[in-house]
Amino acid sequence: MSPPLLDEVRARLGFHKLSPVWAKVEIVLGLLAAGLGLFVGLPAASRPPEDGWPLVAAGLALFVLGGSLTLAGHRSHLYQASLERLALLVEEVRRGNNAPLPGPQTPDQTRATGGDVV
């Protein structure tokens, strides 16, 4: 799969290039923020409500925002993988490759070959 093909697919779909390094940074920062939210919020939850609610709220906010950031990084990885698969599919279609994929035969293929599994 060629990088110009990836660039062409990105351009036609209106996507911009995503950085895999930034996606990993998003995941790590999100996990750190979620962990910090648990670290802050859980001990504060055992305090009386008058004293502990600001820390519980801050911990919950950190946990939710950290989880969102982690999911955004994961989504970036999924988009990158999906785009690479799409470019591979476009490349195969352009080449006109009609060769069957390796794998188990379906019952229709078995009947077509006279019962012998190829």
PDB file of N, CA and C in Angstrom:
ATOM      1  N   MET A   1       0.848  -1.157   0.000  1.00  0.00           N
ATOM      2  CA  MET A   1       0.000   0.000   0.000  1.00  0.00           C
ATOM      3  C   MET A   1       0.904   1.235   0.000  1.00  0.00           C
ATOM      4  N   SER A   2       0.625   2.117  -0.913  1.00  0.00           N
ATOM      5  CA  SER A   2       1.512   3.252  -1.091  1.00  0.00           C
ATOM      6  C   SER A   2       0.999   4.480  -0.342  1.00  0.00           C
ATOM      7  N   PRO A   3       1.914   5.282   0.219  1.00  0.00           N
ATOM      8  CA  PRO A   3       1.494   6.511   0.888  1.00  0.00           C
ATOM      9  C   PRO A   3       0.720   7.469  -0.021  1.00  0.00           C
ATOM     10  N   PRO A   4       1.056   7.580  -1.333  1.00  0.00           N
ATOM     11  CA  PRO A   4       0.231   8.465  -2.169  1.00  0.00           C
ATOM     12  C   PRO A   4      -1.228   8.006  -2.231  1.00  0.00           C
ATOM     13  N   LEU A   5      -1.459   6.696  -2.195  1.00  0.00           N
ATOM     14  CA  LEU A   5      -2.826   6.193  -2.206  1.00  0.00           C
ATOM     15  C   LEU A   5      -3.540   6.565  -0.908  1.00  0.00           C
ATOM     16  N   LEU A   6      -2.837   6.452   0.213  1.00  0.00           N
ATOM     17  CA  LEU A   6      -3.423   6.877   1.487  1.00  0.00           C
ATOM     18  C   LEU A   6      -3.764   8.361   1.454  1.00  0.00           C
ATOM     19  N   ASP A   7      -2.854   9.169   0.891  1.00  0.00           N
ATOM     20  CA  ASP A   7      -3.120  10.602   0.792  1.00  0.00           C
ATOM     21  C   ASP A   7      -4.315  10.885  -0.101  1.00  0.00           C
ATOM     22  N   GLU A   8      -4.436  10.126  -1.190  1.00  0.00           N
ATOM     23  CA  GLU A   8      -5.567  10.312  -2.101  1.00  0.00           C
ATOM     24  C   GLU A   8      -6.890   9.954  -1.417  1.00  0.00           C
ATOM     25  N   VAL A   9      -6.899   8.838  -0.697  1.00  0.00           N
ATOM     26  CA  VAL A   9      -8.116   8.430   0.000  1.00  0.00           C
ATOM     27  C   VAL A   9      -8.490   9.459   1.057  1.00  0.00           C
ATOM     28  N   ARG A  10      -7.499   9.934   1.814  1.00  0.00           N
ATOM     29  CA  ARG A  10      -7.749  10.972   2.823  1.00  0.00           C
ATOM     30  C   ARG A  10      -8.340  12.223   2.191  1.00  0.00           C
ATOM     31  N   ALA A  11      -7.758  12.651   1.065  1.00  0.00           N
ATOM     32  CA  ALA A  11      -8.216  13.868   0.400  1.00  0.00           C
ATOM     33  C   ALA A  11      -9.648  13.710  -0.117  1.00  0.00           C
ATOM     34  N   ARG A  12      -9.949  12.553  -0.708  1.00  0.00           N
ATOM     35  CA  ARG A  12     -11.290  12.343  -1.257  1.00  0.00           C
ATOM     36  C   ARG A  12     -12.338  12.245  -0.170  1.00  0.00           C
ATOM     37  N   LEU A  13     -11.965  11.727   0.993  1.00  0.00           N
ATOM     38  CA  LEU A  13     -12.911  11.618   2.105  1.00  0.00           C
ATOM     39  C   LEU A  13     -12.953  12.884   2.951  1.00  0.00           C
ATOM     40  N   GLY A  14     -12.011  13.798   2.727  1.00  0.00           N
ATOM     41  CA  GLY A  14     -11.972  15.032   3.502  1.00  0.00           C
ATOM     42  C   GLY A  14     -11.356  14.867   4.880  1.00  0.00           C
ATOM     43  N   PHE A  15     -10.559  13.823   5.059  1.00  0.00           N
ATOM     44  CA  PHE A  15      -9.899  13.584   6.342  1.00  0.00           C
ATOM     45  C   PHE A  15      -8.539  14.277   6.355  1.00  0.00           C
ATOM     46  N   HIS A  16      -8.040  14.553   7.539  1.00  0.00           N
ATOM     47  CA  HIS A  16      -6.670  15.035   7.657  1.00  0.00           C
ATOM     48  C   HIS A  16      -5.829  13.922   8.287  1.00  0.00           C
ATOM     49  N   LYS A  17      -4.530  14.037   8.125  1.00  0.00           N
ATOM     50  CA  LYS A  17      -3.631  12.993   8.616  1.00  0.00           C
ATOM     51  C   LYS A  17      -3.605  13.015  10.142  1.00  0.00           C
ATOM     52  N   LEU A  18      -3.787  11.844  10.738  1.00  0.00           N
ATOM     53  CA  LEU A  18      -3.767  11.713  12.191  1.00  0.00           C
ATOM     54  C   LEU A  18      -2.391  11.225  12.635  1.00  0.00           C
ATOM     55  N   SER A  19      -1.940  11.725  13.745  1.00  0.00           N
ATOM     56  CA  SER A  19      -0.628  11.343  14.266  1.00  0.00           C
ATOM     57  C   SER A  19      -0.778  10.180  15.241  1.00  0.00           C
ATOM     58  N   PRO A  20      -0.132   9.040  14.954  1.00  0.00           N
ATOM     59  CA  PRO A  20      -0.214   7.920  15.891  1.00  0.00           C
ATOM     60  C   PRO A  20       0.448   8.238  17.236  1.00  0.00           C
ATOM     61  N   VAL A  21       1.454   9.109  17.224  1.00  0.00           N
ATOM     62  CA  VAL A  21       2.114   9.487  18.481  1.00  0.00           C
ATOM     63  C   VAL A  21       1.139  10.286  19.344  1.00  0.00           C
ATOM     64  N   TRP A  22       0.416  11.224  18.724  1.00  0.00           N
ATOM     65  CA  TRP A  22      -0.535  12.026  19.492  1.00  0.00           C
ATOM     66  C   TRP A  22      -1.651  11.141  20.051  1.00  0.00           C
ATOM     67  N   ALA A  23      -2.076  10.135  19.304  1.00  0.00           N
ATOM     68  CA  ALA A  23      -3.111   9.216  19.795  1.00  0.00           C
ATOM     69  C   ALA A  23      -2.625   8.478  21.040  1.00  0.00           C
ATOM     70  N   LYS A  24      -1.374   8.050  21.021  1.00  0.00           N
ATOM     71  CA  LYS A  24      -0.822   7.365  22.195  1.00  0.00           C
ATOM     72  C   LYS A  24      -0.708   8.316  23.383  1.00  0.00           C
ATOM     73  N   VAL A  25      -0.327   9.566  23.118  1.00  0.00           N
ATOM     74  CA  VAL A  25      -0.245  10.571  24.188  1.00  0.00           C
ATOM     75  C   VAL A  25      -1.633  10.809  24.783  1.00  0.00           C
ATOM     76  N   GLU A  26      -2.658  10.880  23.926  1.00  0.00           N
ATOM     77  CA  GLU A  26      -4.022  11.044  24.426  1.00  0.00           C
ATOM     78  C   GLU A  26      -4.421   9.889  25.333  1.00  0.00           C
ATOM     79  N   ILE A  27      -4.076   8.682  24.935  1.00  0.00           N
ATOM     80  CA  ILE A  27      -4.429   7.516  25.742  1.00  0.00           C
ATOM     81  C   ILE A  27      -3.727   7.571  27.095  1.00  0.00           C
ATOM     82  N   VAL A  28      -2.438   7.846  27.086  1.00  0.00           N
ATOM     83  CA  VAL A  28      -1.672   7.873  28.342  1.00  0.00           C
ATOM     84  C   VAL A  28      -2.160   8.997  29.248  1.00  0.00           C
ATOM     85  N   LEU A  29      -2.348  10.200  28.705  1.00  0.00           N
ATOM     86  CA  LEU A  29      -2.826  11.317  29.525  1.00  0.00           C
ATOM     87  C   LEU A  29      -4.223  11.047  30.067  1.00  0.00           C
ATOM     88  N   GLY A  30      -5.067  10.444  29.248  1.00  0.00           N
ATOM     89  CA  GLY A  30      -6.410  10.117  29.700  1.00  0.00           C
ATOM     90  C   GLY A  30      -6.411   9.101  30.822  1.00  0.00           C
ATOM     91  N   LEU A  31      -5.575   8.079  30.696  1.00  0.00           N
ATOM     92  CA  LEU A  31      -5.497   7.080  31.764  1.00  0.00           C
ATOM     93  C   LEU A  31      -4.922   7.686  33.046  1.00  0.00           C
ATOM     94  N   LEU A  32      -3.939   8.564  32.901  1.00  0.00           N
ATOM     95  CA  LEU A  32      -3.393   9.233  34.085  1.00  0.00           C
ATOM     96  C   LEU A  32      -4.445  10.109  34.758  1.00  0.00           C
ATOM     97  N   ALA A  33      -5.213  10.862  33.969  1.00  0.00           N
ATOM     98  CA  ALA A  33      -6.255  11.722  34.536  1.00  0.00           C
ATOM     99  C   ALA A  33      -7.341  10.885  35.210  1.00  0.00           C
ATOM    100  N   ALA A  34      -7.738   9.774  34.598  1.00  0.00           N
ATOM    101  CA  ALA A  34      -8.758   8.910  35.199  1.00  0.00           C
ATOM    102  C   ALA A  34      -8.241   8.305  36.507  1.00  0.00           C
ATOM    103  N   GLY A  35      -6.994   7.869  36.502  1.00  0.00           N
ATOM    104  CA  GLY A  35      -6.403   7.335  37.727  1.00  0.00           C
ATOM    105  C   GLY A  35      -6.303   8.383  38.818  1.00  0.00           C
ATOM    106  N   LEU A  36      -5.928   9.599  38.451  1.00  0.00           N
ATOM    107  CA  LEU A  36      -5.861  10.685  39.422  1.00  0.00           C
ATOM    108  C   LEU A  36      -7.251  11.007  39.966  1.00  0.00           C
ATOM    109  N   GLY A  37      -8.252  10.940  39.093  1.00  0.00           N
ATOM    110  CA  GLY A  37      -9.624  11.170  39.547  1.00  0.00           C
ATOM    111  C   GLY A  37     -10.061  10.146  40.577  1.00  0.00           C
ATOM    112  N   LEU A  38      -9.697   8.885  40.360  1.00  0.00           N
ATOM    113  CA  LEU A  38     -10.013   7.859  41.353  1.00  0.00           C
ATOM    114  C   LEU A  38      -9.231   8.087  42.640  1.00  0.00           C
ATOM    115  N   PHE A  39      -7.977   8.462  42.495  1.00  0.00           N
ATOM    116  CA  PHE A  39      -7.117   8.704  43.662  1.00  0.00           C
ATOM    117  C   PHE A  39      -7.647   9.863  44.510  1.00  0.00           C
ATOM    118  N   VAL A  40      -8.202  10.880  43.857  1.00  0.00           N
ATOM    119  CA  VAL A  40      -8.722  12.052  44.566  1.00  0.00           C
ATOM    120  C   VAL A  40     -10.132  11.788  45.096  1.00  0.00           C
ATOM    121  N   GLY A  41     -10.974  11.176  44.279  1.00  0.00           N
ATOM    122  CA  GLY A  41     -12.385  11.068  44.617  1.00  0.00           C
ATOM    123  C   GLY A  41     -12.744   9.982  45.608  1.00  0.00           C
ATOM    124  N   LEU A  42     -12.098   8.834  45.533  1.00  0.00           N
ATOM    125  CA  LEU A  42     -12.485   7.738  46.417  1.00  0.00           C
ATOM    126  C   LEU A  42     -12.233   8.018  47.895  1.00  0.00           C
ATOM    127  N   PRO A  43     -11.061   8.509  48.279  1.00  0.00           N
ATOM    128  CA  PRO A  43     -10.886   8.810  49.711  1.00  0.00           C
ATOM    129  C   PRO A  43     -11.832   9.911  50.190  1.00  0.00           C
ATOM    130  N   ALA A  44     -12.151  10.865  49.322  1.00  0.00           N
ATOM    131  CA  ALA A  44     -13.032  11.956  49.723  1.00  0.00           C
ATOM    132  C   ALA A  44     -14.465  11.476  49.892  1.00  0.00           C
ATOM    133  N   ALA A  45     -14.830  10.383  49.264  1.00  0.00           N
ATOM    134  CA  ALA A  45     -16.202   9.880  49.363  1.00  0.00           C
ATOM    135  C   ALA A  45     -16.524   9.364  50.761  1.00  0.00           C
ATOM    136  N   SER A  46     -15.514   8.993  51.533  1.00  0.00           N
ATOM    137  CA  SER A  46     -15.763   8.494  52.889  1.00  0.00           C
ATOM    138  C   SER A  46     -15.864   9.619  53.915  1.00  0.00           C
ATOM    139  N   ARG A  47     -15.613  10.837  53.507  1.00  0.00           N
ATOM    140  CA  ARG A  47     -15.731  11.993  54.416  1.00  0.00           C
ATOM    141  C   ARG A  47     -17.190  12.428  54.518  1.00  0.00           C
ATOM    142  N   PRO A  48     -17.498  13.231  55.525  1.00  0.00           N
ATOM    143  CA  PRO A  48     -18.857  13.776  55.599  1.00  0.00           C
ATOM    144  C   PRO A  48     -19.146  14.633  54.354  1.00  0.00           C
ATOM    145  N   PRO A  49     -20.405  14.646  53.893  1.00  0.00           N
ATOM    146  CA  PRO A  49     -20.736  15.361  52.661  1.00  0.00           C
ATOM    147  C   PRO A  49     -20.356  16.841  52.672  1.00  0.00           C
ATOM    148  N   GLU A  50     -20.398  17.472  53.826  1.00  0.00           N
ATOM    149  CA  GLU A  50     -20.061  18.899  53.893  1.00  0.00           C
ATOM    150  C   GLU A  50     -18.593  19.140  53.550  1.00  0.00           C
ATOM    151  N   ASP A  51     -17.744  18.202  53.947  1.00  0.00           N
ATOM    152  CA  ASP A  51     -16.301  18.371  53.738  1.00  0.00           C
ATOM    153  C   ASP A  51     -15.810  17.771  52.422  1.00  0.00           C
ATOM    154  N   GLY A  52     -16.414  16.669  52.007  1.00  0.00           N
ATOM    155  CA  GLY A  52     -15.828  15.915  50.912  1.00  0.00           C
ATOM    156  C   GLY A  52     -16.401  16.151  49.532  1.00  0.00           C
ATOM    157  N   TRP A  53     -17.539  16.831  49.404  1.00  0.00           N
ATOM    158  CA  TRP A  53     -18.160  16.909  48.080  1.00  0.00           C
ATOM    159  C   TRP A  53     -17.322  17.633  47.037  1.00  0.00           C
ATOM    160  N   PRO A  54     -16.557  18.694  47.384  1.00  0.00           N
ATOM    161  CA  PRO A  54     -15.749  19.304  46.310  1.00  0.00           C
ATOM    162  C   PRO A  54     -14.688  18.355  45.746  1.00  0.00           C
ATOM    163  N   LEU A  55     -14.077  17.566  46.616  1.00  0.00           N
ATOM    164  CA  LEU A  55     -13.071  16.616  46.137  1.00  0.00           C
ATOM    165  C   LEU A  55     -13.715  15.463  45.366  1.00  0.00           C
ATOM    166  N   VAL A  56     -14.888  15.033  45.794  1.00  0.00           N
ATOM    167  CA  VAL A  56     -15.594  13.982  45.067  1.00  0.00           C
ATOM    168  C   VAL A  56     -15.969  14.489  43.676  1.00  0.00           C
ATOM    169  N   ALA A  57     -16.460  15.728  43.599  1.00  0.00           N
ATOM    170  CA  ALA A  57     -16.829  16.309  42.300  1.00  0.00           C
ATOM    171  C   ALA A  57     -15.605  16.455  41.405  1.00  0.00           C
ATOM    172  N   ALA A  58     -14.491  16.906  41.985  1.00  0.00           N
ATOM    173  CA  ALA A  58     -13.262  17.055  41.200  1.00  0.00           C
ATOM    174  C   ALA A  58     -12.764  15.685  40.721  1.00  0.00           C
ATOM    175  N   GLY A  59     -12.815  14.688  41.594  1.00  0.00           N
ATOM    176  CA  GLY A  59     -12.397  13.344  41.205  1.00  0.00           C
ATOM    177  C   GLY A  59     -13.277  12.767  40.113  1.00  0.00           C
ATOM    178  N   LEU A  60     -14.582  12.989  40.219  1.00  0.00           N
ATOM    179  CA  LEU A  60     -15.496  12.501  39.196  1.00  0.00           C
ATOM    180  C   LEU A  60     -15.244  13.201  37.864  1.00  0.00           C
ATOM    181  N   ALA A  61     -15.028  14.507  37.914  1.00  0.00           N
ATOM    182  CA  ALA A  61     -14.748  15.256  36.678  1.00  0.00           C
ATOM    183  C   ALA A  61     -13.456  14.763  36.026  1.00  0.00           C
ATOM    184  N   LEU A  62     -12.418  14.562  36.823  1.00  0.00           N
ATOM    185  CA  LEU A  62     -11.156  14.048  36.270  1.00  0.00           C
ATOM    186  C   LEU A  62     -11.334  12.656  35.678  1.00  0.00           C
ATOM    187  N   PHE A  63     -12.097  11.820  36.355  1.00  0.00           N
ATOM    188  CA  PHE A  63     -12.316  10.464  35.868  1.00  0.00           C
ATOM    189  C   PHE A  63     -13.063  10.475  34.534  1.00  0.00           C
ATOM    190  N   VAL A  64     -14.109  11.283  34.438  1.00  0.00           N
ATOM    191  CA  VAL A  64     -14.905  11.347  33.206  1.00  0.00           C
ATOM    192  C   VAL A  64     -14.094  11.962  32.067  1.00  0.00           C
ATOM    193  N   LEU A  65     -13.419  13.057  32.328  1.00  0.00           N
ATOM    194  CA  LEU A  65     -12.629  13.697  31.278  1.00  0.00           C
ATOM    195  C   LEU A  65     -11.445  12.825  30.856  1.00  0.00           C
ATOM    196  N   GLY A  66     -10.827  12.155  31.800  1.00  0.00           N
ATOM    197  CA  GLY A  66      -9.730  11.245  31.467  1.00  0.00           C
ATOM    198  C   GLY A  66     -10.204  10.074  30.618  1.00  0.00           C
ATOM    199  N   GLY A  67     -11.365   9.530  30.977  1.00  0.00           N
ATOM    200  CA  GLY A  67     -11.927   8.452  30.170  1.00  0.00           C
ATOM    201  C   GLY A  67     -12.256   8.916  28.758  1.00  0.00           C
ATOM    202  N   SER A  68     -12.784  10.121  28.645  1.00  0.00           N
ATOM    203  CA  SER A  68     -13.105  10.663  27.314  1.00  0.00           C
ATOM    204  C   SER A  68     -11.842  10.846  26.478  1.00  0.00           C
ATOM    205  N   LEU A  69     -10.786  11.347  27.098  1.00  0.00           N
ATOM    206  CA  LEU A  69      -9.533  11.549  26.381  1.00  0.00           C
ATOM    207  C   LEU A  69      -8.934  10.211  25.949  1.00  0.00           C
ATOM    208  N   THR A  70      -9.017   9.214  26.811  1.00  0.00           N
ATOM    209  CA  THR A  70      -8.528   7.882  26.465  1.00  0.00           C
ATOM    210  C   THR A  70      -9.293   7.311  25.276  1.00  0.00           C
ATOM    211  N   LEU A  71     -10.613   7.457  25.297  1.00  0.00           N
ATOM    212  CA  LEU A  71     -11.424   6.950  24.188  1.00  0.00           C
ATOM    213  C   LEU A  71     -11.144   7.710  22.898  1.00  0.00           C
ATOM    214  N   ALA A  72     -10.848   8.998  22.993  1.00  0.00           N
ATOM    215  CA  ALA A  72     -10.511   9.768  21.789  1.00  0.00           C
ATOM    216  C   ALA A  72      -9.215   9.258  21.164  1.00  0.00           C
ATOM    217  N   GLY A  73      -8.226   8.939  21.983  1.00  0.00           N
ATOM    218  CA  GLY A  73      -6.981   8.374  21.463  1.00  0.00           C
ATOM    219  C   GLY A  73      -7.196   7.017  20.822  1.00  0.00           C
ATOM    220  N   HIS A  74      -8.045   6.203  21.447  1.00  0.00           N
ATOM    221  CA  HIS A  74      -8.337   4.888  20.885  1.00  0.00           C
ATOM    222  C   HIS A  74      -9.084   5.033  19.564  1.00  0.00           C
ATOM    223  N   ARG A  75     -10.014   5.981  19.503  1.00  0.00           N
ATOM    224  CA  ARG A  75     -10.758   6.220  18.266  1.00  0.00           C
ATOM    225  C   ARG A  75      -9.817   6.647  17.140  1.00  0.00           C
ATOM    226  N   SER A  76      -8.800   7.452  17.453  1.00  0.00           N
ATOM    227  CA  SER A  76      -7.825   7.851  16.435  1.00  0.00           C
ATOM    228  C   SER A  76      -7.098   6.635  15.867  1.00  0.00           C
ATOM    229  N   HIS A  77      -6.723   5.697  16.741  1.00  0.00           N
ATOM    230  CA  HIS A  77      -6.075   4.473  16.262  1.00  0.00           C
ATOM    231  C   HIS A  77      -7.020   3.671  15.365  1.00  0.00           C
ATOM    232  N   LEU A  78      -8.284   3.604  15.746  1.00  0.00           N
ATOM    233  CA  LEU A  78      -9.250   2.868  14.928  1.00  0.00           C
ATOM    234  C   LEU A  78      -9.437   3.526  13.569  1.00  0.00           C
ATOM    235  N   TYR A  79      -9.494   4.859  13.529  1.00  0.00           N
ATOM    236  CA  TYR A  79      -9.630   5.571  12.256  1.00  0.00           C
ATOM    237  C   TYR A  79      -8.421   5.313  11.363  1.00  0.00           C
ATOM    238  N   GLN A  80      -7.232   5.332  11.948  1.00  0.00           N
ATOM    239  CA  GLN A  80      -6.025   5.089  11.156  1.00  0.00           C
ATOM    240  C   GLN A  80      -6.029   3.685  10.575  1.00  0.00           C
ATOM    241  N   ALA A  81      -6.385   2.695  11.378  1.00  0.00           N
ATOM    242  CA  ALA A  81      -6.420   1.317  10.901  1.00  0.00           C
ATOM    243  C   ALA A  81      -7.483   1.147   9.819  1.00  0.00           C
ATOM    244  N   SER A  82      -8.632   1.772  10.009  1.00  0.00           N
ATOM    245  CA  SER A  82      -9.706   1.679   9.024  1.00  0.00           C
ATOM    246  C   SER A  82      -9.297   2.307   7.700  1.00  0.00           C
ATOM    247  N   LEU A  83      -8.624   3.437   7.759  1.00  0.00           N
ATOM    248  CA  LEU A  83      -8.181   4.103   6.540  1.00  0.00           C
ATOM    249  C   LEU A  83      -7.139   3.258   5.799  1.00  0.00           C
ATOM    250  N   GLU A  84      -6.253   2.614   6.531  1.00  0.00           N
ATOM    251  CA  GLU A  84      -5.260   1.744   5.893  1.00  0.00           C
ATOM    252  C   GLU A  84      -5.933   0.553   5.208  1.00  0.00           C
ATOM    253  N   ARG A  85      -6.955  -0.017   5.843  1.00  0.00           N
ATOM    254  CA  ARG A  85      -7.684  -1.132   5.220  1.00  0.00           C
ATOM    255  C   ARG A  85      -8.435  -0.663   3.981  1.00  0.00           C
ATOM    256  N   LEU A  86      -9.001   0.533   4.038  1.00  0.00           N
ATOM    257  CA  LEU A  86      -9.710   1.075   2.882  1.00  0.00           C
ATOM    258  C   LEU A  86      -8.748   1.299   1.718  1.00  0.00           C
ATOM    259  N   ALA A  87      -7.570   1.828   2.001  1.00  0.00           N
ATOM    260  CA  ALA A  87      -6.583   2.045   0.940  1.00  0.00           C
ATOM    261  C   ALA A  87      -6.143   0.710   0.338  1.00  0.00           C
ATOM    262  N   LEU A  88      -5.997  -0.322   1.171  1.00  0.00           N
ATOM    263  CA  LEU A  88      -5.652  -1.650   0.661  1.00  0.00           C
ATOM    264  C   LEU A  88      -6.760  -2.178  -0.248  1.00  0.00           C
ATOM    265  N   LEU A  89      -8.002  -1.983   0.147  1.00  0.00           N
ATOM    266  CA  LEU A  89      -9.121  -2.428  -0.672  1.00  0.00           C
ATOM    267  C   LEU A  89      -9.161  -1.684  -2.003  1.00  0.00           C
ATOM    268  N   VAL A  90      -8.932  -0.378  -1.973  1.00  0.00           N
ATOM    269  CA  VAL A  90      -8.900   0.409  -3.211  1.00  0.00           C
ATOM    270  C   VAL A  90      -7.776  -0.076  -4.118  1.00  0.00           C
ATOM    271  N   GLU A  91      -6.622  -0.357  -3.537  1.00  0.00           N
ATOM    272  CA  GLU A  91      -5.490  -0.847  -4.319  1.00  0.00           C
ATOM    273  C   GLU A  91      -5.816  -2.186  -4.982  1.00  0.00           C
ATOM    274  N   GLU A  92      -6.457  -3.092  -4.239  1.00  0.00           N
ATOM    275  CA  GLU A  92      -6.819  -4.397  -4.797  1.00  0.00           C
ATOM    276  C   GLU A  92      -7.852  -4.247  -5.912  1.00  0.00           C
ATOM    277  N   VAL A  93      -8.815  -3.361  -5.730  1.00  0.00           N
ATOM    278  CA  VAL A  93      -9.833  -3.162  -6.764  1.00  0.00           C
ATOM    279  C   VAL A  93      -9.208  -2.558  -8.015  1.00  0.00           C
ATOM    280  N   ARG A  94      -8.309  -1.609  -7.843  1.00  0.00           N
ATOM    281  CA  ARG A  94      -7.648  -0.991  -9.001  1.00  0.00           C
ATOM    282  C   ARG A  94      -6.802  -1.996  -9.769  1.00  0.00           C
ATOM    283  N   ARG A  95      -6.177  -2.929  -9.058  1.00  0.00           N
ATOM    284  CA  ARG A  95      -5.366  -3.946  -9.729  1.00  0.00           C
ATOM    285  C   ARG A  95      -6.230  -4.997 -10.390  1.00  0.00           C
ATOM    286  N   GLY A  96      -7.485  -5.086  -9.983  1.00  0.00           N
ATOM    287  CA  GLY A  96      -8.366  -6.087 -10.553  1.00  0.00           C
ATOM    288  C   GLY A  96      -8.040  -7.481 -10.079  1.00  0.00           C
ATOM    289  N   ASN A  97      -7.585  -7.592  -8.862  1.00  0.00           N
ATOM    290  CA  ASN A  97      -7.191  -8.874  -8.299  1.00  0.00           C
ATOM    291  C   ASN A  97      -8.445  -9.652  -7.922  1.00  0.00           C
ATOM    292  N   ASN A  98      -8.736 -10.706  -8.695  1.00  0.00           N
ATOM    293  CA  ASN A  98      -9.899 -11.534  -8.440  1.00  0.00           C
ATOM    294  C   ASN A  98      -9.539 -12.876  -7.826  1.00  0.00           C
ATOM    295  N   ALA A  99      -8.330 -13.013  -7.348  1.00  0.00           N
ATOM    296  CA  ALA A  99      -7.907 -14.276  -6.749  1.00  0.00           C
ATOM    297  C   ALA A  99      -8.701 -14.523  -5.467  1.00  0.00           C
ATOM    298  N   PRO A 100      -9.140 -15.774  -5.234  1.00  0.00           N
ATOM    299  CA  PRO A 100      -9.892 -16.051  -4.011  1.00  0.00           C
ATOM    300  C   PRO A 100      -8.990 -15.933  -2.784  1.00  0.00           C
ATOM    301  N   LEU A 101      -9.590 -15.534  -1.696  1.00  0.00           N
ATOM    302  CA  LEU A 101      -8.850 -15.435  -0.449  1.00  0.00           C
ATOM    303  C   LEU A 101      -8.620 -16.829   0.115  1.00  0.00           C
ATOM    304  N   PRO A 102      -7.474 -17.065   0.736  1.00  0.00           N
ATOM    305  CA  PRO A 102      -7.246 -18.372   1.337  1.00  0.00           C
ATOM    306  C   PRO A 102      -8.157 -18.545   2.549  1.00  0.00           C
ATOM    307  N   GLY A 103      -8.564 -19.760   2.797  1.00  0.00           N
ATOM    308  CA  GLY A 103      -9.402 -20.021   3.959  1.00  0.00           C
ATOM    309  C   GLY A 103     -10.307 -21.200   3.703  1.00  0.00           C
ATOM    310  N   PRO A 104     -11.180 -21.482   4.648  1.00  0.00           N
ATOM    311  CA  PRO A 104     -12.069 -22.635   4.493  1.00  0.00           C
ATOM    312  C   PRO A 104     -13.051 -22.433   3.350  1.00  0.00           C
ATOM    313  N   GLN A 105     -13.422 -23.512   2.710  1.00  0.00           N
ATOM    314  CA  GLN A 105     -14.355 -23.474   1.593  1.00  0.00           C
ATOM    315  C   GLN A 105     -15.785 -23.455   2.111  1.00  0.00           C
ATOM    316  N   THR A 106     -16.652 -22.725   1.422  1.00  0.00           N
ATOM    317  CA  THR A 106     -18.068 -22.730   1.746  1.00  0.00           C
ATOM    318  C   THR A 106     -18.715 -23.917   1.050  1.00  0.00           C
ATOM    319  N   PRO A 107     -19.918 -24.324   1.458  1.00  0.00           N
ATOM    320  CA  PRO A 107     -20.586 -25.447   0.782  1.00  0.00           C
ATOM    321  C   PRO A 107     -20.788 -25.196  -0.714  1.00  0.00           C
ATOM    322  N   ASP A 108     -21.052 -23.956  -1.124  1.00  0.00           N
ATOM    323  CA  ASP A 108     -21.219 -23.658  -2.550  1.00  0.00           C
ATOM    324  C   ASP A 108     -19.926 -23.916  -3.316  1.00  0.00           C
ATOM    325  N   GLN A 109     -18.781 -23.540  -2.735  1.00  0.00           N
ATOM    326  CA  GLN A 109     -17.507 -23.767  -3.397  1.00  0.00           C
ATOM    327  C   GLN A 109     -17.198 -25.253  -3.475  1.00  0.00           C
ATOM    328  N   THR A 110     -17.601 -26.015  -2.458  1.00  0.00           N
ATOM    329  CA  THR A 110     -17.344 -27.445  -2.455  1.00  0.00           C
ATOM    330  C   THR A 110     -18.147 -28.131  -3.562  1.00  0.00           C
ATOM    331  N   ARG A 111     -19.425 -27.740  -3.730  1.00  0.00           N
ATOM    332  CA  ARG A 111     -20.244 -28.304  -4.791  1.00  0.00           C
ATOM    333  C   ARG A 111     -19.684 -27.956  -6.176  1.00  0.00           C
ATOM    334  N   ALA A 112     -19.172 -26.716  -6.318  1.00  0.00           N
ATOM    335  CA  ALA A 112     -18.656 -26.274  -7.609  1.00  0.00           C
ATOM    336  C   ALA A 112     -17.405 -27.043  -8.022  1.00  0.00           C
ATOM    337  N   THR A 113     -16.650 -27.558  -7.057  1.00  0.00           N
ATOM    338  CA  THR A 113     -15.423 -28.302  -7.382  1.00  0.00           C
ATOM    339  C   THR A 113     -15.654 -29.798  -7.404  1.00  0.00           C
ATOM    340  N   GLY A 114     -16.945 -30.237  -7.330  1.00  0.00           N
ATOM    341  CA  GLY A 114     -17.238 -31.659  -7.396  1.00  0.00           C
ATOM    342  C   GLY A 114     -17.050 -32.359  -6.074  1.00  0.00           C
ATOM    343  N   GLY A 115     -17.130 -31.653  -4.989  1.00  0.00           N
ATOM    344  CA  GLY A 115     -17.032 -32.265  -3.670  1.00  0.00           C
ATOM    345  C   GLY A 115     -15.633 -32.272  -3.100  1.00  0.00           C
ATOM    346  N   ASP A 116     -14.643 -31.947  -3.902  1.00  0.00           N
ATOM    347  CA  ASP A 116     -13.268 -31.921  -3.394  1.00  0.00           C
ATOM    348  C   ASP A 116     -12.974 -30.558  -2.830  1.00  0.00           C
ATOM    349  N   VAL A 117     -12.397 -30.542  -1.666  1.00  0.00           N
ATOM    350  CA  VAL A 117     -11.980 -29.281  -1.059  1.00  0.00           C
ATOM    351  C   VAL A 117     -10.625 -28.928  -1.609  1.00  0.00           C
ATOM    352  N   VAL A 118     -10.515 -27.748  -2.157  1.00  0.00           N
ATOM    353  CA  VAL A 118      -9.264 -27.320  -2.794  1.00  0.00           C
ATOM    354  C   VAL A 118      -8.365 -26.717  -1.768  1.00  0.00           C
TER     355      VAL A 118
END
